All heavy atoms as atom14 arrays in JSON, in Angstrom:
{
  "sequence": "EETFEKLKEYIGDNPGCNMAQLSTETGVPVKIITGFIRD",
  "atom14_mask": [
    [1, 1, 1, 1, 1, 1, 1, 1, 1, 0, 0, 0, 0, 0],
    [1, 1, 1, 1, 1, 1, 1, 1, 1, 0, 0, 0, 0, 0],
    [1, 1, 1, 1, 1, 1, 1, 0, 0, 0, 0, 0, 0, 0],
    [1, 1, 1, 1, 1, 1, 1, 1, 1, 1, 1, 0, 0, 0],
    [1, 1, 1, 1, 1, 1, 1, 1, 1, 0, 0, 0, 0, 0],
    [1, 1, 1, 1, 1, 1, 1, 1, 1, 0, 0, 0, 0, 0],
    [1, 1, 1, 1, 1, 1, 1, 1, 0, 0, 0, 0, 0, 0],
    [1, 1, 1, 1, 1, 1, 1, 1, 1, 0, 0, 0, 0, 0],
    [1, 1, 1, 1, 1, 1, 1, 1, 1, 0, 0, 0, 0, 0],
    [1, 1, 1, 1, 1, 1, 1, 1, 1, 1, 1, 1, 0, 0],
    [1, 1, 1, 1, 1, 1, 1, 1, 0, 0, 0, 0, 0, 0],
    [1, 1, 1, 1, 0, 0, 0, 0, 0, 0, 0, 0, 0, 0],
    [1, 1, 1, 1, 1, 1, 1, 1, 0, 0, 0, 0, 0, 0],
    [1, 1, 1, 1, 1, 1, 1, 1, 0, 0, 0, 0, 0, 0],
    [1, 1, 1, 1, 1, 1, 1, 0, 0, 0, 0, 0, 0, 0],
    [1, 1, 1, 1, 0, 0, 0, 0, 0, 0, 0, 0, 0, 0],
    [1, 1, 1, 1, 1, 1, 0, 0, 0, 0, 0, 0, 0, 0],
    [1, 1, 1, 1, 1, 1, 1, 1, 0, 0, 0, 0, 0, 0],
    [1, 1, 1, 1, 1, 1, 1, 1, 0, 0, 0, 0, 0, 0],
    [1, 1, 1, 1, 1, 0, 0, 0, 0, 0, 0, 0, 0, 0],
    [1, 1, 1, 1, 1, 1, 1, 1, 1, 0, 0, 0, 0, 0],
    [1, 1, 1, 1, 1, 1, 1, 1, 0, 0, 0, 0, 0, 0],
    [1, 1, 1, 1, 1, 1, 0, 0, 0, 0, 0, 0, 0, 0],
    [1, 1, 1, 1, 1, 1, 1, 0, 0, 0, 0, 0, 0, 0],
    [1, 1, 1, 1, 1, 1, 1, 1, 1, 0, 0, 0, 0, 0],
    [1, 1, 1, 1, 1, 1, 1, 0, 0, 0, 0, 0, 0, 0],
    [1, 1, 1, 1, 0, 0, 0, 0, 0, 0, 0, 0, 0, 0],
    [1, 1, 1, 1, 1, 1, 1, 0, 0, 0, 0, 0, 0, 0],
    [1, 1, 1, 1, 1, 1, 1, 0, 0, 0, 0, 0, 0, 0],
    [1, 1, 1, 1, 1, 1, 1, 0, 0, 0, 0, 0, 0, 0],
    [1, 1, 1, 1, 1, 1, 1, 1, 1, 0, 0, 0, 0, 0],
    [1, 1, 1, 1, 1, 1, 1, 1, 0, 0, 0, 0, 0, 0],
    [1, 1, 1, 1, 1, 1, 1, 1, 0, 0, 0, 0, 0, 0],
    [1, 1, 1, 1, 1, 1, 1, 0, 0, 0, 0, 0, 0, 0],
    [1, 1, 1, 1, 0, 0, 0, 0, 0, 0, 0, 0, 0, 0],
    [1, 1, 1, 1, 1, 1, 1, 1, 1, 1, 1, 0, 0, 0],
    [1, 1, 1, 1, 1, 1, 1, 1, 0, 0, 0, 0, 0, 0],
    [1, 1, 1, 1, 1, 1, 1, 1, 1, 1, 1, 0, 0, 0],
    [1, 1, 1, 1, 1, 1, 1, 1, 0, 0, 0, 0, 0, 0]
  ],
  "atom14_positions": [
    [[-69.01, -28.97, 58.16], [-69.63, -29.75, 57.14], [-68.63, -30.4, 56.21], [-68.79, -31.56, 55.85], [-70.64, -28.86, 56.26], [-71.91, -28.6, 57.01], [-72.62, -29.76, 57.52], [-72.87, -30.74, 56.74], [-72.98, -29.78, 58.68], [0.0, 0.0, 0.0], [0.0, 0.0, 0.0], [0.0, 0.0, 0.0], [0.0, 0.0, 0.0], [0.0, 0.0, 0.0]],
    [[-67.55, -29.69, 55.93], [-66.54, -30.32, 55.09], [-65.82, -31.5, 55.86], [-65.55, -32.57, 55.28], [-65.42, -29.33, 54.73], [-65.95, -28.32, 53.69], [-64.99, -27.1, 53.51], [-63.9, -26.99, 54.22], [-65.35, -26.24, 52.67], [0.0, 0.0, 0.0], [0.0, 0.0, 0.0], [0.0, 0.0, 0.0], [0.0, 0.0, 0.0], [0.0, 0.0, 0.0]],
    [[-65.59, -31.35, 57.12], [-65.09, -32.43, 57.94], [-66.05, -33.64, 57.99], [-65.59, -34.8, 57.81], [-64.81, -31.88, 59.42], [-63.83, -30.86, 59.35], [-64.28, -33.05, 60.3], [0.0, 0.0, 0.0], [0.0, 0.0, 0.0], [0.0, 0.0, 0.0], [0.0, 0.0, 0.0], [0.0, 0.0, 0.0], [0.0, 0.0, 0.0], [0.0, 0.0, 0.0]],
    [[-67.3, -33.36, 58.18], [-68.35, -34.4, 58.21], [-68.32, -35.17, 56.87], [-68.4, -36.39, 56.88], [-69.73, -33.88, 58.48], [-70.73, -34.91, 58.51], [-70.86, -35.84, 59.59], [-71.67, -35.04, 57.49], [-71.84, -36.79, 59.56], [-72.66, -36.0, 57.49], [-72.7, -36.88, 58.48], [0.0, 0.0, 0.0], [0.0, 0.0, 0.0], [0.0, 0.0, 0.0]],
    [[-68.24, -34.41, 55.74], [-68.28, -35.1, 54.46], [-67.05, -35.94, 54.25], [-67.1, -36.98, 53.67], [-68.39, -33.98, 53.28], [-69.74, -33.39, 53.22], [-70.87, -34.4, 52.89], [-70.67, -35.34, 52.09], [-71.91, -34.24, 53.52], [0.0, 0.0, 0.0], [0.0, 0.0, 0.0], [0.0, 0.0, 0.0], [0.0, 0.0, 0.0], [0.0, 0.0, 0.0]],
    [[-65.88, -35.47, 54.78], [-64.7, -36.24, 54.68], [-64.83, -37.61, 55.43], [-64.47, -38.68, 54.91], [-63.46, -35.42, 55.26], [-62.16, -36.16, 55.15], [-61.07, -35.5, 55.97], [-60.81, -34.04, 55.69], [-59.63, -33.49, 56.37], [0.0, 0.0, 0.0], [0.0, 0.0, 0.0], [0.0, 0.0, 0.0], [0.0, 0.0, 0.0], [0.0, 0.0, 0.0]],
    [[-65.41, -37.45, 56.63], [-65.64, -38.65, 57.43], [-66.61, -39.63, 56.73], [-66.39, -40.89, 56.69], [-66.15, -38.32, 58.83], [-65.21, -37.58, 59.75], [-65.93, -37.06, 60.98], [-64.04, -38.4, 60.08], [0.0, 0.0, 0.0], [0.0, 0.0, 0.0], [0.0, 0.0, 0.0], [0.0, 0.0, 0.0], [0.0, 0.0, 0.0], [0.0, 0.0, 0.0]],
    [[-67.66, -39.11, 56.27], [-68.75, -39.86, 55.65], [-68.15, -40.56, 54.33], [-68.43, -41.78, 54.08], [-69.88, -38.93, 55.16], [-71.1, -39.56, 54.6], [-72.21, -38.49, 54.42], [-72.96, -38.79, 53.24], [-73.95, -37.73, 52.93], [0.0, 0.0, 0.0], [0.0, 0.0, 0.0], [0.0, 0.0, 0.0], [0.0, 0.0, 0.0], [0.0, 0.0, 0.0]],
    [[-67.39, -39.89, 53.59], [-66.73, -40.55, 52.41], [-65.79, -41.64, 52.78], [-65.85, -42.72, 52.18], [-65.97, -39.46, 51.63], [-65.35, -39.94, 50.33], [-64.68, -38.91, 49.55], [-65.16, -37.71, 49.52], [-63.68, -39.18, 48.94], [0.0, 0.0, 0.0], [0.0, 0.0, 0.0], [0.0, 0.0, 0.0], [0.0, 0.0, 0.0], [0.0, 0.0, 0.0]],
    [[-64.97, -41.41, 53.83], [-64.06, -42.49, 54.26], [-64.84, -43.68, 54.84], [-64.48, -44.8, 54.47], [-63.11, -41.93, 55.34], [-62.06, -42.96, 55.73], [-60.89, -43.12, 54.99], [-62.31, -43.83, 56.84], [-60.01, -44.12, 55.36], [-61.37, -44.84, 57.12], [-60.24, -45.02, 56.38], [-59.32, -46.0, 56.66], [0.0, 0.0, 0.0], [0.0, 0.0, 0.0]],
    [[-65.83, -43.45, 55.55], [-66.7, -44.56, 56.12], [-67.32, -45.35, 54.91], [-67.38, -46.49, 54.94], [-67.73, -44.06, 57.07], [-67.06, -43.54, 58.33], [-68.7, -45.16, 57.45], [-67.92, -42.75, 59.29], [0.0, 0.0, 0.0], [0.0, 0.0, 0.0], [0.0, 0.0, 0.0], [0.0, 0.0, 0.0], [0.0, 0.0, 0.0], [0.0, 0.0, 0.0]],
    [[-67.83, -44.61, 53.93], [-68.39, -45.27, 52.76], [-67.45, -46.13, 52.04], [-67.79, -47.19, 51.53], [0.0, 0.0, 0.0], [0.0, 0.0, 0.0], [0.0, 0.0, 0.0], [0.0, 0.0, 0.0], [0.0, 0.0, 0.0], [0.0, 0.0, 0.0], [0.0, 0.0, 0.0], [0.0, 0.0, 0.0], [0.0, 0.0, 0.0], [0.0, 0.0, 0.0]],
    [[-66.16, -45.7, 51.91], [-65.14, -46.46, 51.22], [-64.54, -47.53, 52.1], [-63.93, -48.5, 51.52], [-64.02, -45.5, 50.74], [-64.46, -44.53, 49.67], [-65.51, -44.78, 49.02], [-63.78, -43.56, 49.46], [0.0, 0.0, 0.0], [0.0, 0.0, 0.0], [0.0, 0.0, 0.0], [0.0, 0.0, 0.0], [0.0, 0.0, 0.0], [0.0, 0.0, 0.0]],
    [[-64.66, -47.43, 53.43], [-64.03, -48.31, 54.37], [-65.07, -48.76, 55.45], [-64.81, -48.46, 56.6], [-62.81, -47.75, 54.98], [-61.81, -47.3, 54.0], [-61.02, -48.12, 53.52], [-61.82, -46.0, 53.67], [0.0, 0.0, 0.0], [0.0, 0.0, 0.0], [0.0, 0.0, 0.0], [0.0, 0.0, 0.0], [0.0, 0.0, 0.0], [0.0, 0.0, 0.0]],
    [[-66.1, -49.46, 55.05], [-67.12, -49.81, 56.1], [-66.46, -50.77, 57.11], [-65.58, -51.5, 56.85], [-68.17, -50.59, 55.26], [-67.54, -50.89, 54.04], [-66.41, -50.01, 53.77], [0.0, 0.0, 0.0], [0.0, 0.0, 0.0], [0.0, 0.0, 0.0], [0.0, 0.0, 0.0], [0.0, 0.0, 0.0], [0.0, 0.0, 0.0], [0.0, 0.0, 0.0]],
    [[-66.79, -50.53, 58.31], [-66.27, -51.35, 59.43], [-65.05, -50.82, 60.04], [-64.45, -51.48, 60.96], [0.0, 0.0, 0.0], [0.0, 0.0, 0.0], [0.0, 0.0, 0.0], [0.0, 0.0, 0.0], [0.0, 0.0, 0.0], [0.0, 0.0, 0.0], [0.0, 0.0, 0.0], [0.0, 0.0, 0.0], [0.0, 0.0, 0.0], [0.0, 0.0, 0.0]],
    [[-64.59, -49.63, 59.59], [-63.36, -49.06, 60.19], [-63.66, -48.74, 61.64], [-64.81, -48.49, 61.99], [-62.95, -47.85, 59.41], [-63.97, -46.51, 59.44], [0.0, 0.0, 0.0], [0.0, 0.0, 0.0], [0.0, 0.0, 0.0], [0.0, 0.0, 0.0], [0.0, 0.0, 0.0], [0.0, 0.0, 0.0], [0.0, 0.0, 0.0], [0.0, 0.0, 0.0]],
    [[-62.62, -48.64, 62.42], [-62.83, -48.22, 63.86], [-62.5, -46.72, 63.98], [-62.03, -46.12, 63.11], [-62.07, -49.12, 64.84], [-60.58, -49.0, 64.71], [-60.06, -47.91, 64.37], [-59.93, -50.13, 64.87], [0.0, 0.0, 0.0], [0.0, 0.0, 0.0], [0.0, 0.0, 0.0], [0.0, 0.0, 0.0], [0.0, 0.0, 0.0], [0.0, 0.0, 0.0]],
    [[-62.77, -46.2, 65.15], [-62.62, -44.78, 65.39], [-61.15, -44.36, 65.19], [-60.83, -43.3, 64.64], [-63.11, -44.39, 66.74], [-63.49, -42.89, 66.79], [-64.33, -42.27, 68.21], [-65.51, -43.46, 68.68], [0.0, 0.0, 0.0], [0.0, 0.0, 0.0], [0.0, 0.0, 0.0], [0.0, 0.0, 0.0], [0.0, 0.0, 0.0], [0.0, 0.0, 0.0]],
    [[-60.23, -45.14, 65.69], [-58.8, -44.81, 65.6], [-58.35, -44.74, 64.13], [-57.67, -43.84, 63.74], [-57.98, -45.85, 66.35], [0.0, 0.0, 0.0], [0.0, 0.0, 0.0], [0.0, 0.0, 0.0], [0.0, 0.0, 0.0], [0.0, 0.0, 0.0], [0.0, 0.0, 0.0], [0.0, 0.0, 0.0], [0.0, 0.0, 0.0], [0.0, 0.0, 0.0]],
    [[-58.82, -45.72, 63.32], [-58.48, -45.76, 61.87], [-59.09, -44.54, 61.19], [-58.39, -43.84, 60.44], [-59.11, -46.99, 61.21], [-58.39, -48.25, 61.43], [-59.2, -49.38, 60.79], [-60.33, -49.61, 61.15], [-58.53, -50.07, 59.82], [0.0, 0.0, 0.0], [0.0, 0.0, 0.0], [0.0, 0.0, 0.0], [0.0, 0.0, 0.0], [0.0, 0.0, 0.0]],
    [[-60.38, -44.25, 61.53], [-61.01, -43.14, 60.95], [-60.26, -41.79, 61.2], [-60.1, -40.97, 60.36], [-62.48, -43.0, 61.52], [-63.37, -42.01, 60.89], [-63.58, -42.14, 59.4], [-64.75, -42.07, 61.59], [0.0, 0.0, 0.0], [0.0, 0.0, 0.0], [0.0, 0.0, 0.0], [0.0, 0.0, 0.0], [0.0, 0.0, 0.0], [0.0, 0.0, 0.0]],
    [[-59.88, -41.67, 62.44], [-59.12, -40.41, 62.89], [-57.76, -40.32, 62.2], [-57.44, -39.34, 61.66], [-58.97, -40.47, 64.42], [-58.19, -39.37, 64.8], [0.0, 0.0, 0.0], [0.0, 0.0, 0.0], [0.0, 0.0, 0.0], [0.0, 0.0, 0.0], [0.0, 0.0, 0.0], [0.0, 0.0, 0.0], [0.0, 0.0, 0.0], [0.0, 0.0, 0.0]],
    [[-57.05, -41.45, 62.15], [-55.71, -41.47, 61.54], [-55.76, -41.17, 60.09], [-55.0, -40.4, 59.55], [-55.04, -42.87, 61.81], [-54.96, -43.06, 63.23], [-53.64, -42.89, 61.25], [0.0, 0.0, 0.0], [0.0, 0.0, 0.0], [0.0, 0.0, 0.0], [0.0, 0.0, 0.0], [0.0, 0.0, 0.0], [0.0, 0.0, 0.0], [0.0, 0.0, 0.0]],
    [[-56.66, -41.86, 59.43], [-56.74, -41.75, 57.92], [-57.31, -40.43, 57.41], [-57.01, -39.98, 56.4], [-57.56, -42.95, 57.39], [-56.87, -44.29, 57.61], [-55.5, -44.44, 56.96], [-55.28, -43.95, 55.79], [-54.59, -44.98, 57.54], [0.0, 0.0, 0.0], [0.0, 0.0, 0.0], [0.0, 0.0, 0.0], [0.0, 0.0, 0.0], [0.0, 0.0, 0.0]],
    [[-58.2, -39.82, 58.18], [-58.79, -38.61, 57.8], [-58.1, -37.34, 58.42], [-58.33, -36.19, 57.96], [-60.26, -38.47, 58.16], [-60.46, -38.64, 59.6], [-61.1, -39.63, 57.46], [0.0, 0.0, 0.0], [0.0, 0.0, 0.0], [0.0, 0.0, 0.0], [0.0, 0.0, 0.0], [0.0, 0.0, 0.0], [0.0, 0.0, 0.0], [0.0, 0.0, 0.0]],
    [[-57.37, -37.56, 59.48], [-56.79, -36.43, 60.18], [-57.73, -35.71, 61.09], [-57.45, -34.63, 61.61], [0.0, 0.0, 0.0], [0.0, 0.0, 0.0], [0.0, 0.0, 0.0], [0.0, 0.0, 0.0], [0.0, 0.0, 0.0], [0.0, 0.0, 0.0], [0.0, 0.0, 0.0], [0.0, 0.0, 0.0], [0.0, 0.0, 0.0], [0.0, 0.0, 0.0]],
    [[-58.88, -36.25, 61.32], [-59.92, -35.65, 62.17], [-59.79, -36.17, 63.52], [-59.73, -37.38, 63.78], [-61.33, -35.97, 61.63], [-62.38, -35.36, 62.55], [-61.53, -35.35, 60.24], [0.0, 0.0, 0.0], [0.0, 0.0, 0.0], [0.0, 0.0, 0.0], [0.0, 0.0, 0.0], [0.0, 0.0, 0.0], [0.0, 0.0, 0.0], [0.0, 0.0, 0.0]],
    [[-59.57, -35.32, 64.53], [-59.44, -35.79, 65.93], [-60.63, -36.65, 66.43], [-61.79, -36.45, 66.07], [-59.34, -34.53, 66.76], [-58.89, -33.47, 65.8], [-59.49, -33.83, 64.49], [0.0, 0.0, 0.0], [0.0, 0.0, 0.0], [0.0, 0.0, 0.0], [0.0, 0.0, 0.0], [0.0, 0.0, 0.0], [0.0, 0.0, 0.0], [0.0, 0.0, 0.0]],
    [[-60.3, -37.64, 67.29], [-61.33, -38.49, 67.84], [-62.4, -37.64, 68.57], [-63.59, -37.95, 68.45], [-60.71, -39.55, 68.82], [-61.8, -40.26, 69.56], [-59.86, -40.55, 68.04], [0.0, 0.0, 0.0], [0.0, 0.0, 0.0], [0.0, 0.0, 0.0], [0.0, 0.0, 0.0], [0.0, 0.0, 0.0], [0.0, 0.0, 0.0], [0.0, 0.0, 0.0]],
    [[-62.02, -36.59, 69.19], [-62.93, -35.73, 69.93], [-64.1, -35.21, 68.93], [-65.21, -35.16, 69.33], [-62.21, -34.55, 70.59], [-63.1, -33.7, 71.43], [-62.3, -32.59, 72.13], [-63.13, -31.7, 72.96], [-62.44, -30.66, 73.61], [0.0, 0.0, 0.0], [0.0, 0.0, 0.0], [0.0, 0.0, 0.0], [0.0, 0.0, 0.0], [0.0, 0.0, 0.0]],
    [[-63.67, -34.8, 67.79], [-64.61, -34.26, 66.82], [-65.48, -35.43, 66.31], [-66.7, -35.2, 66.11], [-63.91, -33.56, 65.63], [-63.29, -32.26, 66.22], [-64.81, -33.2, 64.52], [-62.4, -31.44, 65.26], [0.0, 0.0, 0.0], [0.0, 0.0, 0.0], [0.0, 0.0, 0.0], [0.0, 0.0, 0.0], [0.0, 0.0, 0.0], [0.0, 0.0, 0.0]],
    [[-64.94, -36.57, 65.97], [-65.67, -37.72, 65.54], [-66.78, -38.03, 66.64], [-67.89, -38.26, 66.37], [-64.8, -38.91, 65.26], [-63.88, -38.57, 64.08], [-65.62, -40.19, 64.92], [-62.71, -39.59, 63.88], [0.0, 0.0, 0.0], [0.0, 0.0, 0.0], [0.0, 0.0, 0.0], [0.0, 0.0, 0.0], [0.0, 0.0, 0.0], [0.0, 0.0, 0.0]],
    [[-66.28, -38.12, 67.93], [-67.16, -38.38, 68.97], [-68.31, -37.37, 69.08], [-69.45, -37.74, 69.34], [-66.38, -38.38, 70.36], [-65.38, -39.39, 70.26], [-67.28, -38.77, 71.55], [0.0, 0.0, 0.0], [0.0, 0.0, 0.0], [0.0, 0.0, 0.0], [0.0, 0.0, 0.0], [0.0, 0.0, 0.0], [0.0, 0.0, 0.0], [0.0, 0.0, 0.0]],
    [[-68.0, -36.11, 68.77], [-69.01, -35.04, 68.78], [-70.09, -35.38, 67.72], [-71.35, -35.15, 68.0], [0.0, 0.0, 0.0], [0.0, 0.0, 0.0], [0.0, 0.0, 0.0], [0.0, 0.0, 0.0], [0.0, 0.0, 0.0], [0.0, 0.0, 0.0], [0.0, 0.0, 0.0], [0.0, 0.0, 0.0], [0.0, 0.0, 0.0], [0.0, 0.0, 0.0]],
    [[-69.71, -35.81, 66.55], [-70.65, -36.19, 65.51], [-71.52, -37.39, 65.91], [-72.7, -37.47, 65.6], [-69.96, -36.5, 64.22], [-69.5, -35.25, 63.46], [-68.13, -35.15, 63.01], [-70.3, -34.22, 63.12], [-67.69, -34.09, 62.32], [-69.87, -33.1, 62.43], [-68.59, -33.0, 62.01], [0.0, 0.0, 0.0], [0.0, 0.0, 0.0], [0.0, 0.0, 0.0]],
    [[-70.91, -38.29, 66.64], [-71.69, -39.4, 67.18], [-72.62, -38.99, 68.18], [-73.82, -39.29, 68.23], [-70.71, -40.46, 67.71], [-69.79, -41.11, 66.6], [-71.51, -41.6, 68.44], [-68.71, -41.99, 67.06], [0.0, 0.0, 0.0], [0.0, 0.0, 0.0], [0.0, 0.0, 0.0], [0.0, 0.0, 0.0], [0.0, 0.0, 0.0], [0.0, 0.0, 0.0]],
    [[-72.15, -38.11, 69.13], [-73.05, -37.61, 70.19], [-74.19, -36.81, 69.61], [-75.32, -36.79, 70.12], [-72.32, -36.77, 71.15], [-71.25, -37.53, 71.99], [-71.95, -38.24, 73.06], [-70.94, -38.85, 73.97], [-71.31, -39.75, 74.8], [-72.51, -40.22, 74.96], [-70.41, -40.31, 75.62], [0.0, 0.0, 0.0], [0.0, 0.0, 0.0], [0.0, 0.0, 0.0]],
    [[-73.99, -36.09, 68.47], [-75.03, -35.27, 67.85], [-75.92, -36.15, 67.06], [-76.91, -35.63, 66.55], [-74.38, -34.19, 66.93], [-73.7, -33.15, 67.69], [-73.94, -32.99, 68.91], [-72.93, -32.37, 67.03], [0.0, 0.0, 0.0], [0.0, 0.0, 0.0], [0.0, 0.0, 0.0], [0.0, 0.0, 0.0], [0.0, 0.0, 0.0], [0.0, 0.0, 0.0]]
  ]
}
């Protein structure tokens, strides 16, 4: 949930970011981001 909130906050502040940016800037691996998308 903390990871999801971190992603949600970054996306809110940076609309239109891509998955690589999101991963790099938050430190969350692409695999976990993809899991949230799949869910």
